[in-house]
Each structure stands twice: as structure tokens, then as C-alpha cells.
């Protein structure tokens, strides 16, 4: 009986520690991406949009996303990540076509999706039940 209780406690502790690690990683990642997106948003709403600067910022965001996508896919639903990736592709295409108002909309959508993923994966009572 004692062995089973000890094993259960070890499993619960392992799950909690794993969740804390993954939550911290996703929070850091989404915060970093959110900051980059906010800088890009400021560039897009300017009256004189610098196309080269915007393209550089989008490339930087894409590189960050490529680096973290596989790690996030381990513990986040693939559908949620695909929605975010689709939004990033839309953002890139709108800026290439110089439709900056639509690009801002897509950027806001991507921000919302990342916040949704972060909230959905938090270790809180509402998400457990």
C-alpha cells in the first residue's frame, strides 16, 4: 500500500513539474513573439511604411516561429499551432501585397491566437475540469 501511494505521489509531482516547465517555456516564447508583433504593428500603422523594415521584422518572426514550432508541438495541440502558422502566412502575404490594414488585422488575429493558446494551457482549476 505504501509503495502505491509513493508511486502516485511521484507521478503527480512529475506531472506538475512538467507542466510548470512547459508553461514557462510557452509563456516566454509567446511573450517574445508578442513583443516582436507589437513592434511590427507599430511599423505597419505608420503613415510611411518602410517595406524593407517590415519584411525584415516578418522574417525575424518567421525564424523565431520555425525554431520554437517543433518544441511547442510536443505539448500544444497541433490545430492551434496550425491556426497561428496560417495567420503568420497571411500576415506575410498581406505585407508583400502592401495591404497594411489587412496585415494589421491578421497580426491582431495571430496575437489573439497566441494568447488563447497560452490561456488554454495554463495549469488552473478551470482548465483541469
N, C-alpha and C. Protein backbone atom coordinates (compact mmCIF):
# COMPACT_ATOMS: atom_id res chain seq x y z
N UNK A 1 0.82 -1.19 0.00
CA UNK A 1 0.00 0.00 0.00
C UNK A 1 0.86 1.26 0.00
N UNK A 2 1.94 1.27 0.77
CA UNK A 2 2.82 2.43 0.82
C UNK A 2 3.49 2.66 -0.52
N UNK A 3 3.88 1.57 -1.20
CA UNK A 3 4.55 1.70 -2.48
C UNK A 3 3.64 2.40 -3.50
N UNK A 4 2.37 2.01 -3.53
CA UNK A 4 1.44 2.59 -4.47
C UNK A 4 1.24 4.08 -4.22
N UNK A 5 1.15 4.46 -2.95
CA UNK A 5 0.98 5.88 -2.60
C UNK A 5 2.22 6.67 -3.01
N UNK A 6 3.39 6.13 -2.74
CA UNK A 6 4.64 6.81 -3.11
C UNK A 6 4.73 6.95 -4.63
N UNK A 7 4.38 5.91 -5.35
CA UNK A 7 4.42 5.97 -6.82
C UNK A 7 3.43 7.01 -7.33
N UNK A 8 2.23 7.05 -6.77
CA UNK A 8 1.23 8.05 -7.17
C UNK A 8 1.73 9.47 -6.89
N UNK A 9 2.33 9.67 -5.75
CA UNK A 9 2.85 11.00 -5.40
C UNK A 9 3.96 11.40 -6.37
N UNK A 10 4.85 10.47 -6.70
CA UNK A 10 5.93 10.75 -7.64
C UNK A 10 5.36 11.11 -9.01
N UNK A 11 4.35 10.38 -9.45
CA UNK A 11 3.73 10.67 -10.75
C UNK A 11 3.09 12.05 -10.74
N UNK A 12 2.37 12.38 -9.70
CA UNK A 12 1.72 13.69 -9.60
C UNK A 12 2.74 14.81 -9.59
N UNK A 13 3.81 14.64 -8.83
CA UNK A 13 4.87 15.65 -8.77
C UNK A 13 5.53 15.80 -10.14
N UNK A 14 5.76 14.70 -10.83
CA UNK A 14 6.37 14.75 -12.16
C UNK A 14 5.46 15.49 -13.14
N UNK A 15 4.17 15.24 -13.07
CA UNK A 15 3.22 15.92 -13.95
C UNK A 15 3.22 17.42 -13.66
N UNK A 16 3.20 17.79 -12.40
CA UNK A 16 3.19 19.21 -12.03
C UNK A 16 4.47 19.91 -12.48
N UNK A 17 5.61 19.27 -12.26
CA UNK A 17 6.89 19.87 -12.68
C UNK A 17 6.95 19.99 -14.19
N UNK A 18 6.52 18.96 -14.90
CA UNK A 18 6.50 19.01 -16.36
C UNK A 18 5.60 20.12 -16.87
N UNK A 19 4.45 20.28 -16.24
CA UNK A 19 3.54 21.33 -16.64
C UNK A 19 4.13 22.71 -16.38
N UNK A 20 4.80 22.88 -15.27
CA UNK A 20 5.42 24.17 -14.96
C UNK A 20 6.48 24.50 -16.00
N UNK A 21 7.29 23.52 -16.35
CA UNK A 21 8.35 23.74 -17.35
C UNK A 21 7.75 24.11 -18.70
N UNK A 22 6.76 23.36 -19.15
CA UNK A 22 6.17 23.64 -20.46
C UNK A 22 5.41 24.96 -20.46
N UNK A 23 4.75 25.27 -19.36
CA UNK A 23 4.02 26.53 -19.28
C UNK A 23 4.98 27.71 -19.30
N UNK A 24 6.08 27.62 -18.58
CA UNK A 24 7.07 28.70 -18.58
C UNK A 24 7.68 28.89 -19.96
N UNK A 25 7.96 27.77 -20.65
CA UNK A 25 8.55 27.85 -21.98
C UNK A 25 7.57 28.51 -22.96
N UNK A 26 6.32 28.05 -22.94
CA UNK A 26 5.36 28.63 -23.88
C UNK A 26 5.08 30.10 -23.54
N UNK A 27 5.03 30.44 -22.27
CA UNK A 27 4.79 31.83 -21.88
C UNK A 27 5.94 32.73 -22.35
N UNK A 28 7.17 32.28 -22.16
CA UNK A 28 8.33 33.05 -22.60
C UNK A 28 8.32 33.20 -24.11
N UNK A 29 8.04 32.12 -24.81
CA UNK A 29 8.02 32.14 -26.27
C UNK A 29 6.96 33.09 -26.79
N UNK A 30 5.74 32.98 -26.26
CA UNK A 30 4.66 33.83 -26.74
C UNK A 30 4.86 35.28 -26.34
N UNK A 31 5.49 35.53 -25.21
CA UNK A 31 5.81 36.91 -24.83
C UNK A 31 6.82 37.52 -25.79
N UNK A 32 7.85 36.74 -26.14
CA UNK A 32 8.86 37.22 -27.09
C UNK A 32 8.24 37.50 -28.46
N UNK A 33 7.42 36.56 -28.92
CA UNK A 33 6.75 36.76 -30.20
C UNK A 33 5.78 37.94 -30.13
N UNK A 34 5.09 38.07 -29.02
CA UNK A 34 4.15 39.19 -28.85
C UNK A 34 4.85 40.53 -28.92
N UNK A 35 6.03 40.62 -28.33
CA UNK A 35 6.80 41.88 -28.39
C UNK A 35 7.21 42.19 -29.82
N UNK A 36 7.65 41.16 -30.53
CA UNK A 36 8.06 41.35 -31.94
C UNK A 36 6.84 41.77 -32.78
N UNK A 37 5.70 41.15 -32.52
CA UNK A 37 4.49 41.50 -33.26
C UNK A 37 4.05 42.93 -32.95
N UNK A 38 4.22 43.35 -31.71
CA UNK A 38 3.83 44.72 -31.33
C UNK A 38 4.73 45.74 -32.05
N UNK A 39 6.01 45.43 -32.14
CA UNK A 39 6.94 46.32 -32.87
C UNK A 39 6.54 46.38 -34.35
N UNK A 40 6.21 45.21 -34.91
CA UNK A 40 5.78 45.15 -36.31
C UNK A 40 4.49 45.93 -36.50
N UNK A 41 3.59 45.83 -35.55
CA UNK A 41 2.31 46.56 -35.64
C UNK A 41 2.55 48.06 -35.69
N UNK A 42 3.48 48.53 -34.85
CA UNK A 42 3.81 49.95 -34.84
C UNK A 42 4.35 50.38 -36.20
N UNK A 43 5.16 49.51 -36.82
CA UNK A 43 5.70 49.82 -38.14
C UNK A 43 4.61 49.84 -39.21
N UNK A 44 3.62 48.96 -39.07
CA UNK A 44 2.57 48.86 -40.08
C UNK A 44 1.56 50.00 -40.02
N UNK A 45 1.34 50.57 -38.85
CA UNK A 45 0.34 51.63 -38.73
C UNK A 45 0.91 53.02 -39.02
N UNK A 46 2.21 53.09 -39.23
CA UNK A 46 2.82 54.38 -39.58
C UNK A 46 2.27 54.83 -40.94
N UNK A 47 2.29 56.13 -41.13
CA UNK A 47 1.82 56.67 -42.40
C UNK A 47 2.76 56.29 -43.54
N UNK A 48 4.05 56.34 -43.27
CA UNK A 48 5.07 55.96 -44.26
C UNK A 48 5.65 54.61 -43.87
N UNK A 49 5.10 53.54 -44.41
CA UNK A 49 5.55 52.19 -44.06
C UNK A 49 6.81 51.88 -44.84
N UNK A 50 7.85 51.48 -44.09
CA UNK A 50 9.11 51.07 -44.73
C UNK A 50 9.04 49.59 -45.04
N UNK A 51 8.86 49.27 -46.31
CA UNK A 51 8.64 47.90 -46.74
C UNK A 51 9.81 46.99 -46.36
N UNK A 52 11.02 47.47 -46.51
CA UNK A 52 12.20 46.65 -46.21
C UNK A 52 12.25 46.32 -44.72
N UNK A 53 11.98 47.29 -43.87
CA UNK A 53 11.99 47.07 -42.43
C UNK A 53 10.90 46.09 -42.02
N UNK A 54 9.72 46.23 -42.60
CA UNK A 54 8.61 45.34 -42.29
C UNK A 54 8.95 43.91 -42.70
N UNK A 55 9.53 43.75 -43.89
CA UNK A 55 9.91 42.41 -44.35
C UNK A 55 10.99 41.78 -43.46
N UNK A 56 11.91 42.60 -42.97
CA UNK A 56 12.94 42.10 -42.05
C UNK A 56 12.30 41.62 -40.74
N UNK A 57 11.37 42.40 -40.24
CA UNK A 57 10.71 42.02 -38.98
C UNK A 57 9.89 40.74 -39.15
N UNK A 58 9.21 40.60 -40.27
CA UNK A 58 8.44 39.38 -40.52
C UNK A 58 9.38 38.18 -40.66
N UNK A 59 10.50 38.36 -41.33
CA UNK A 59 11.48 37.27 -41.44
C UNK A 59 11.99 36.86 -40.07
N UNK A 60 12.23 37.84 -39.22
CA UNK A 60 12.68 37.56 -37.86
C UNK A 60 11.62 36.77 -37.08
N UNK A 61 10.37 37.17 -37.22
CA UNK A 61 9.27 36.47 -36.55
C UNK A 61 9.14 35.05 -37.09
N UNK A 62 9.27 34.89 -38.40
CA UNK A 62 9.20 33.56 -39.01
C UNK A 62 10.32 32.66 -38.50
N UNK A 63 11.52 33.21 -38.38
CA UNK A 63 12.65 32.42 -37.88
C UNK A 63 12.42 31.98 -36.44
N UNK A 64 11.91 32.88 -35.62
CA UNK A 64 11.60 32.52 -34.24
C UNK A 64 10.55 31.41 -34.22
N UNK A 65 9.52 31.57 -35.05
CA UNK A 65 8.44 30.57 -35.09
C UNK A 65 8.98 29.21 -35.53
N UNK A 66 9.83 29.19 -36.54
CA UNK A 66 10.39 27.93 -37.03
C UNK A 66 11.21 27.24 -35.93
N UNK A 67 11.93 28.03 -35.15
CA UNK A 67 12.76 27.47 -34.08
C UNK A 67 11.95 26.88 -32.94
N UNK A 68 10.80 27.46 -32.65
CA UNK A 68 10.03 27.01 -31.49
C UNK A 68 8.86 26.10 -31.85
N UNK A 69 8.49 26.06 -33.11
CA UNK A 69 7.30 25.30 -33.52
C UNK A 69 7.38 23.83 -33.11
N UNK A 70 8.47 23.18 -33.41
CA UNK A 70 8.59 21.75 -33.09
C UNK A 70 8.56 21.48 -31.59
N UNK A 71 9.15 22.37 -30.82
CA UNK A 71 9.12 22.21 -29.36
C UNK A 71 7.71 22.42 -28.82
N UNK A 72 7.03 23.42 -29.34
CA UNK A 72 5.66 23.68 -28.89
C UNK A 72 4.72 22.55 -29.29
N UNK A 73 5.00 21.93 -30.42
CA UNK A 73 4.13 20.85 -30.92
C UNK A 73 4.13 19.64 -30.00
N UNK A 74 5.11 19.53 -29.14
CA UNK A 74 5.18 18.41 -28.21
C UNK A 74 4.05 18.47 -27.19
N UNK A 75 3.70 19.68 -26.75
CA UNK A 75 2.72 19.79 -25.67
C UNK A 75 1.55 20.72 -25.96
N UNK A 76 1.46 21.24 -27.18
CA UNK A 76 0.32 22.08 -27.55
C UNK A 76 -0.37 21.44 -28.74
N UNK A 77 -1.70 21.56 -28.77
CA UNK A 77 -2.48 20.97 -29.85
C UNK A 77 -1.99 21.49 -31.21
N UNK A 78 -1.85 20.57 -32.14
CA UNK A 78 -1.35 20.93 -33.47
C UNK A 78 -2.29 21.87 -34.20
N UNK A 79 -3.57 21.70 -33.97
CA UNK A 79 -4.57 22.56 -34.64
C UNK A 79 -4.36 24.02 -34.25
N UNK A 80 -4.09 24.25 -32.97
CA UNK A 80 -3.87 25.62 -32.51
C UNK A 80 -2.62 26.21 -33.14
N UNK A 81 -1.57 25.41 -33.23
CA UNK A 81 -0.33 25.88 -33.84
C UNK A 81 -0.51 26.13 -35.33
N UNK A 82 -1.30 25.30 -35.99
CA UNK A 82 -1.56 25.48 -37.42
C UNK A 82 -2.33 26.78 -37.68
N UNK A 83 -3.28 27.10 -36.80
CA UNK A 83 -4.02 28.36 -36.94
C UNK A 83 -3.06 29.54 -36.84
N UNK A 84 -2.14 29.47 -35.89
CA UNK A 84 -1.18 30.55 -35.70
C UNK A 84 -0.25 30.64 -36.91
N UNK A 85 0.18 29.50 -37.40
CA UNK A 85 1.07 29.48 -38.56
C UNK A 85 0.36 30.01 -39.81
N UNK A 86 -0.91 29.67 -39.96
CA UNK A 86 -1.70 30.19 -41.08
C UNK A 86 -1.84 31.70 -40.99
N UNK A 87 -2.04 32.19 -39.79
CA UNK A 87 -2.14 33.63 -39.57
C UNK A 87 -0.82 34.32 -39.91
N UNK A 88 0.29 33.70 -39.57
CA UNK A 88 1.61 34.26 -39.90
C UNK A 88 1.80 34.30 -41.42
N UNK A 89 1.36 33.26 -42.11
CA UNK A 89 1.46 33.24 -43.57
C UNK A 89 0.59 34.34 -44.19
N UNK A 90 -0.61 34.53 -43.63
CA UNK A 90 -1.48 35.61 -44.11
C UNK A 90 -0.86 36.97 -43.87
N UNK A 91 -0.25 37.14 -42.72
CA UNK A 91 0.42 38.40 -42.41
C UNK A 91 1.52 38.69 -43.41
N UNK A 92 2.29 37.67 -43.72
CA UNK A 92 3.39 37.84 -44.67
C UNK A 92 2.86 38.18 -46.06
N UNK A 93 1.80 37.50 -46.49
CA UNK A 93 1.28 37.76 -47.84
C UNK A 93 0.66 39.16 -47.93
N UNK A 94 -0.03 39.60 -46.89
CA UNK A 94 -0.60 40.94 -46.92
C UNK A 94 0.48 42.02 -46.99
N UNK A 95 1.58 41.81 -46.28
CA UNK A 95 2.64 42.82 -46.34
C UNK A 95 3.35 42.79 -47.69
N UNK A 96 3.46 41.61 -48.29
CA UNK A 96 4.08 41.54 -49.62
C UNK A 96 3.22 42.26 -50.65
N UNK A 97 1.90 42.21 -50.48
CA UNK A 97 0.99 42.90 -51.41
C UNK A 97 0.77 44.35 -50.99
N UNK A 98 1.43 44.77 -49.92
CA UNK A 98 1.35 46.12 -49.38
C UNK A 98 -0.07 46.51 -48.95
N UNK A 99 -0.80 45.54 -48.46
CA UNK A 99 -2.12 45.79 -47.89
C UNK A 99 -1.97 45.80 -46.37
N UNK A 100 -1.51 46.92 -45.87
CA UNK A 100 -1.10 47.01 -44.47
C UNK A 100 -2.27 46.99 -43.49
N UNK A 101 -3.42 47.48 -43.88
CA UNK A 101 -4.59 47.43 -42.99
C UNK A 101 -4.99 45.97 -42.74
N UNK A 102 -4.98 45.16 -43.80
CA UNK A 102 -5.29 43.74 -43.65
C UNK A 102 -4.19 43.02 -42.87
N UNK A 103 -2.96 43.47 -43.05
CA UNK A 103 -1.84 42.88 -42.32
C UNK A 103 -1.99 43.12 -40.82
N UNK A 104 -2.44 44.31 -40.45
CA UNK A 104 -2.66 44.63 -39.03
C UNK A 104 -3.76 43.74 -38.46
N UNK A 105 -4.82 43.53 -39.24
CA UNK A 105 -5.89 42.63 -38.80
C UNK A 105 -5.36 41.22 -38.56
N UNK A 106 -4.56 40.74 -39.49
CA UNK A 106 -4.00 39.39 -39.36
C UNK A 106 -3.04 39.31 -38.18
N UNK A 107 -2.30 40.37 -37.96
CA UNK A 107 -1.39 40.43 -36.82
C UNK A 107 -2.16 40.36 -35.51
N UNK A 108 -3.26 41.09 -35.43
CA UNK A 108 -4.10 41.05 -34.23
C UNK A 108 -4.69 39.66 -34.02
N UNK A 109 -5.07 39.02 -35.11
CA UNK A 109 -5.59 37.66 -35.04
C UNK A 109 -4.53 36.70 -34.50
N UNK A 110 -3.31 36.85 -34.98
CA UNK A 110 -2.22 36.00 -34.51
C UNK A 110 -1.95 36.23 -33.03
N UNK A 111 -1.97 37.48 -32.61
CA UNK A 111 -1.80 37.80 -31.19
C UNK A 111 -2.88 37.14 -30.35
N UNK A 112 -4.12 37.23 -30.82
CA UNK A 112 -5.24 36.62 -30.10
C UNK A 112 -5.05 35.11 -30.00
N UNK A 113 -4.65 34.48 -31.09
CA UNK A 113 -4.44 33.03 -31.08
C UNK A 113 -3.36 32.61 -30.08
N UNK A 114 -2.29 33.38 -30.03
CA UNK A 114 -1.21 33.05 -29.09
C UNK A 114 -1.67 33.22 -27.64
N UNK A 115 -2.44 34.28 -27.39
CA UNK A 115 -2.98 34.47 -26.04
C UNK A 115 -3.95 33.35 -25.67
N UNK A 116 -4.74 32.92 -26.65
CA UNK A 116 -5.68 31.82 -26.43
C UNK A 116 -4.94 30.53 -26.10
N UNK A 117 -3.89 30.23 -26.84
CA UNK A 117 -3.11 29.02 -26.58
C UNK A 117 -2.50 29.08 -25.18
N UNK A 118 -1.97 30.24 -24.84
CA UNK A 118 -1.35 30.40 -23.52
C UNK A 118 -2.38 30.21 -22.40
N UNK A 119 -3.55 30.82 -22.55
CA UNK A 119 -4.60 30.67 -21.54
C UNK A 119 -5.10 29.23 -21.45
N UNK A 120 -5.24 28.61 -22.59
CA UNK A 120 -5.76 27.24 -22.65
C UNK A 120 -4.83 26.24 -21.97
N UNK A 121 -3.54 26.52 -21.97
CA UNK A 121 -2.57 25.58 -21.41
C UNK A 121 -2.12 25.92 -20.00
N UNK A 122 -2.70 26.95 -19.41
CA UNK A 122 -2.35 27.28 -18.03
C UNK A 122 -2.83 26.19 -17.08
N UNK A 123 -2.08 26.00 -16.04
CA UNK A 123 -2.40 24.98 -15.04
C UNK A 123 -3.29 25.61 -13.98
N UNK A 124 -4.57 25.76 -14.34
CA UNK A 124 -5.54 26.33 -13.42
C UNK A 124 -6.73 25.37 -13.32
N UNK A 125 -7.49 25.55 -12.27
CA UNK A 125 -8.60 24.63 -11.99
C UNK A 125 -9.60 24.57 -13.15
N UNK A 126 -9.88 25.71 -13.76
CA UNK A 126 -10.85 25.76 -14.87
C UNK A 126 -10.41 24.87 -16.03
N UNK A 127 -9.11 24.81 -16.31
CA UNK A 127 -8.61 24.01 -17.43
C UNK A 127 -8.48 22.52 -17.08
N UNK A 128 -8.48 22.20 -15.81
CA UNK A 128 -8.35 20.79 -15.40
C UNK A 128 -9.68 20.08 -15.56
N UNK A 129 -10.78 20.74 -15.21
CA UNK A 129 -12.09 20.09 -15.26
C UNK A 129 -12.88 20.54 -16.41
